[in-house]
Amino acid sequence: GPIGLLAVLVARAAGASVVATDIAAFTLDMAKRVGADAALNAAQADALAPYTAHKGTFDVLFECSGVQSALVSAIPALRPGAVIMQLGLGGDMTLPMQAITAKEIELRGSFRFHAEFATAVRLMQSGRIDVVPLITQTLPLDEAVRAFELASDRSQAVKAQIAFS
């Protein structure tokens, strides 16, 4: 979703290689458009299998869905000592603590509109990240209801914008 796409933009701006996962074709396409090196359908049971060899591939996981199965399925693809940044708020989760402990994985939570808000604004102002591709539709004010309908449909929109002029 939108949080994951922002994570892709920020990770790419920091120079990281990015593999994005989702279950929606629209979001996977958007992830590729904003810079993901690969976009994998997490509904496929073996989507991350190539990244689990040799104790894992990834140093950081930005978990943006808040879905327990998404976090749990990514742990085998994490290297020992990796960091999980939990951004998604889907509710309480049961986690495989044995795997997290054995791989010495660090779990961090992050919530928006704290100190990182100013950093995000600076990244946009400087041009290091371009959020314009996340605006998937712009509708005139007289179509505001349609804009809100689009904005709530994750199969068609990331961010729908209302133009007031």
Protein backbone atom coordinates (compact mmCIF):
# COMPACT_ATOMS: atom_id res chain seq x y z
CA GLY A 1 0.00 0.00 0.00
CA PRO A 2 0.98 3.66 0.28
CA ILE A 3 3.24 3.14 3.30
CA GLY A 4 5.13 0.37 1.51
CA LEU A 5 5.55 2.48 -1.62
CA LEU A 6 6.94 5.33 0.47
CA ALA A 7 9.33 2.83 2.06
CA VAL A 8 10.48 1.82 -1.43
CA LEU A 9 11.14 5.48 -2.32
CA VAL A 10 13.10 6.13 0.86
CA ALA A 11 15.12 2.92 0.67
CA ARG A 12 16.08 3.65 -2.94
CA ALA A 13 17.05 7.23 -2.01
CA ALA A 14 19.36 5.73 0.61
CA GLY A 15 20.98 3.54 -2.04
CA ALA A 16 19.43 0.22 -1.07
CA SER A 17 18.42 -2.56 -3.40
CA VAL A 18 14.72 -3.18 -2.85
CA VAL A 19 12.53 -6.27 -3.13
CA ALA A 20 8.86 -5.45 -2.53
CA THR A 21 6.09 -7.92 -1.79
CA ASP A 22 2.34 -7.51 -1.89
CA ILE A 23 -0.68 -9.53 -2.96
CA ALA A 24 -2.20 -6.91 -5.27
CA ALA A 25 -1.03 -6.64 -8.89
CA PHE A 26 -1.65 -2.88 -8.93
CA THR A 27 0.57 -2.30 -5.88
CA LEU A 28 3.30 -4.59 -7.24
CA ASP A 29 3.29 -2.63 -10.52
CA MET A 30 3.51 0.65 -8.59
CA ALA A 31 6.42 -0.69 -6.54
CA LYS A 32 8.35 -1.39 -9.75
CA ARG A 33 7.43 2.06 -11.11
CA VAL A 34 8.81 3.82 -8.04
CA GLY A 35 12.08 1.90 -7.99
CA ALA A 36 11.81 -1.60 -6.55
CA ASP A 37 14.33 -3.95 -8.15
CA ALA A 38 11.83 -6.78 -7.85
CA ALA A 39 8.15 -6.98 -6.94
CA LEU A 40 6.94 -10.38 -5.75
CA ASN A 41 3.43 -11.66 -5.20
CA ALA A 42 3.40 -12.75 -1.55
CA ALA A 43 0.30 -14.89 -2.20
CA GLN A 44 2.62 -17.36 -3.91
CA ALA A 45 3.92 -19.60 -1.13
CA ASP A 46 7.49 -19.70 -2.45
CA ALA A 47 7.81 -16.03 -3.49
CA LEU A 48 10.72 -15.37 -1.12
CA ALA A 49 12.34 -18.81 -1.47
CA PRO A 50 15.28 -17.56 -3.60
CA TYR A 51 16.20 -15.18 -0.78
CA THR A 52 16.28 -17.75 2.04
CA ALA A 53 19.49 -19.54 0.99
CA HIS A 54 22.64 -19.22 3.12
CA LYS A 55 20.76 -18.00 6.21
CA GLY A 56 18.94 -15.23 4.34
CA THR A 57 19.56 -12.26 2.08
CA PHE A 58 18.07 -9.11 3.56
CA ASP A 59 19.52 -6.81 6.22
CA VAL A 60 16.33 -4.79 6.76
CA LEU A 61 12.64 -5.59 6.46
CA PHE A 62 10.13 -2.74 6.32
CA GLU A 63 6.91 -4.53 7.25
CA CYS A 64 4.17 -2.17 6.09
CA SER A 65 1.02 -4.29 6.04
CA GLY A 66 0.59 -5.05 9.72
CA VAL A 67 -0.31 -8.61 8.72
CA GLN A 68 1.21 -11.38 10.82
CA SER A 69 1.68 -13.78 7.88
CA ALA A 70 3.62 -11.14 5.94
CA LEU A 71 6.10 -10.61 8.74
CA VAL A 72 6.44 -14.32 9.59
CA SER A 73 6.98 -15.36 5.95
CA ALA A 74 9.82 -12.84 5.56
CA ILE A 75 11.89 -13.99 8.55
CA PRO A 76 13.61 -16.88 6.70
CA ALA A 77 14.80 -14.34 4.08
CA LEU A 78 16.45 -12.14 6.73
CA ARG A 79 20.16 -12.42 7.49
CA PRO A 80 21.31 -12.98 11.07
CA GLY A 81 21.37 -9.62 12.86
CA ALA A 82 18.78 -8.10 10.51
CA VAL A 83 16.36 -5.37 11.57
CA ILE A 84 12.59 -5.52 11.20
CA MET A 85 11.05 -2.03 11.01
CA GLN A 86 7.39 -2.54 11.83
CA LEU A 87 5.41 0.24 10.16
CA GLY A 88 2.06 -1.43 9.50
CA LEU A 89 -0.65 -1.34 12.16
CA GLY A 90 -2.81 -4.39 11.61
CA GLY A 91 -3.23 -5.38 15.24
CA ASP A 92 -1.46 -7.66 17.67
CA MET A 93 0.61 -10.52 16.23
CA THR A 94 1.99 -13.83 17.35
CA LEU A 95 5.61 -13.97 16.24
CA PRO A 96 8.09 -16.84 15.90
CA MET A 97 10.31 -15.73 18.78
CA GLN A 98 12.58 -18.77 18.47
CA ALA A 99 13.51 -17.80 14.89
CA ILE A 100 13.84 -14.12 15.81
CA THR A 101 16.09 -14.98 18.75
CA ALA A 102 18.19 -17.58 16.88
CA LYS A 103 18.88 -15.09 14.07
CA GLU A 104 19.41 -12.25 16.59
CA ILE A 105 16.89 -10.13 14.70
CA GLU A 106 16.08 -6.70 16.08
CA LEU A 107 12.41 -5.69 16.02
CA ARG A 108 11.68 -1.94 15.97
CA GLY A 109 8.43 -0.09 15.78
CA SER A 110 7.95 3.25 14.10
CA PHE A 111 4.94 5.53 13.98
CA ARG A 112 4.43 8.42 11.60
CA PHE A 113 4.48 12.14 12.40
CA HIS A 114 7.33 12.13 14.83
CA ALA A 115 10.91 13.26 14.19
CA GLU A 116 10.93 11.57 10.77
CA PHE A 117 8.24 13.94 9.47
CA ALA A 118 10.74 16.81 9.10
CA THR A 119 13.21 14.44 7.44
CA ALA A 120 10.55 13.36 4.95
CA VAL A 121 9.75 16.96 4.06
CA ARG A 122 13.46 17.72 3.54
CA LEU A 123 13.83 14.66 1.27
CA MET A 124 10.91 15.85 -0.86
CA GLN A 125 12.08 19.49 -0.94
CA SER A 126 15.59 18.50 -1.98
CA GLY A 127 14.30 16.21 -4.73
CA ARG A 128 15.92 13.09 -3.23
CA ILE A 129 12.51 11.45 -3.27
CA ASP A 130 9.71 12.19 -5.71
CA VAL A 131 6.27 11.35 -4.36
CA VAL A 132 4.44 12.59 -7.46
CA PRO A 133 4.20 9.07 -8.95
CA LEU A 134 2.12 8.08 -5.91
CA ILE A 135 -0.63 10.47 -7.02
CA THR A 136 -2.43 8.09 -9.34
CA GLN A 137 -5.48 10.26 -10.06
CA THR A 138 -6.36 13.96 -9.99
CA LEU A 139 -10.05 14.83 -10.15
CA PRO A 140 -11.80 18.21 -10.17
CA LEU A 141 -13.66 19.44 -7.09
CA ASP A 142 -17.04 18.62 -8.64
CA GLU A 143 -15.97 14.94 -8.69
CA ALA A 144 -14.90 14.90 -5.04
CA VAL A 145 -17.14 11.96 -4.16
CA ARG A 146 -15.58 9.92 -6.99
CA ALA A 147 -12.10 10.94 -5.76
CA PHE A 148 -12.87 9.59 -2.29
CA GLU A 149 -14.26 6.38 -3.79
CA LEU A 150 -11.08 5.95 -5.84
CA ALA A 151 -8.87 6.73 -2.87
CA SER A 152 -10.43 3.86 -0.93
CA ASP A 153 -9.93 1.35 -3.77
CA ARG A 154 -6.41 -0.07 -3.45
CA SER A 155 -6.80 -1.93 -6.76
CA GLN A 156 -6.91 1.39 -8.66
CA ALA A 157 -5.33 4.11 -6.56
CA VAL A 158 -2.47 4.93 -4.27
CA LYS A 159 -3.35 8.59 -3.70
CA ALA A 160 -6.25 10.35 -5.38
CA GLN A 161 -6.04 14.12 -5.39
CA ILE A 162 -8.76 16.77 -5.68
CA ALA A 163 -7.88 19.81 -7.82
CA PHE A 164 -9.47 23.02 -6.51
CA SER A 165 -8.79 25.17 -9.54
